[in-house]
Amino acid sequence: MRLVTSSSLRPRSRAVVLFLSLSILAFLTRVAPCGADEASSWLAEFEAAYECGDVAEYGVLLAPEFRFHFGDAENRSRRPEGWNKEEELASYVNLHRGVVREDGTRLPRAAEIDVQMAGVRAGPDPEFAGSVDHILVFVQAATLSIRFEDGRRVVDTAPHAFHLVRGRAIGRDGDEAETWFALKWIERPTDAPVLLAALGAGAEGAESTGDGADDTGGAADAATLAGMQAALPPRGLLWPNPVRAGRGVALAFDLVGAAAEVSLEVFDVRGRALAHVGPVRESAGRRVLTWGGRDDAGCAVPAGVYFVRARLGDREARHRVVVLR
């Protein structure tokens, strides 16, 4: 899901992009490869920046050559090359501040944005074989929840791929620091099975970031890959499992036939209902529901065993999930 709002505020965005681009130095020569901690840190910064509405804070995470590639067929067909950093920043500003489109209709500003990442893998970027200055971060289930000022809420969960490049930046105090920039962001990558295979159990250097990824040495990724390539089990596929406390798990499932309501309920070992997701109405196809690892009051659940009950149209599925410290 992507809100295409870049038609306005371009002069302002050009100035912002110029300012941000001047703050980014030439990329470094090769040094030690990026590990899980660095990928996890970049994702945490991305989540916080996307939610907060500070365009300068968000912009410094994107490389000057940044490209965003759309996940829906209509925009992919209309803009096969995606859009650049300037357009991404313009869309970001419009999302957080609202915008009046050329036809006079007004898109209200986002009053609240929440980003949750589940099932994260990181490793060498197959597009830059042998380079230690490029990494691929694959998020198996990224959930974007937006509540607009008019009360409307939009929620979407999909896989996302981030191609990162190493570089140096100048901070506001004038000091230089090594950091990572997003070179390319792909929503619903069509080559997801290939990317997961590259980062799977047999991929040298592939690492779990700890951001909801499992501790089973790649088992969750193998299951996810199988789920993407073939029909999912009737109960759906829950990953990652186990999951770190405060992070999310996603249930992928195939909804067959007519549109139907789907929902999740999470129970502790005493049978108490702690969290609810949905119900939401979904059309037929492969769908994902995500539980963010928190109860209905917004507090992260403690480590332990929990049970997830999914209502998928006329089906009911139950899963056991282990939350780690």
Foldseek 3Di string as FASTA:
>chain_A
DDDQDLPPPLVVLVVLLVVLQVQFDDFDDADAADALQQVLVLVVQCQVVLWPLDLNSNLNQAHQLEFEADDDPVVCVVCVRGDGSSSVSSSSNCQQCWDQDPVRDIDAHFPGKGKAFAAKKKFCDPVDPPGRFKMKIKGQWIWIWTQGPVGDIDIAIFIKMFIKGWGWGQDPVRDIDIGIHTRYIYTRDPVVLVVLVCLALPHPGMDHSLQNAAPPSRPLSVLVSVVVVDAAPQQFRKDDFAGEWQHKIKGKHFADDAKAWKKKWKAAPVGDTFAIGDRDIDGGGIGMDMDGCHGPVRHHDDFDKMKMWMDRGPDIHIDIGTYDD
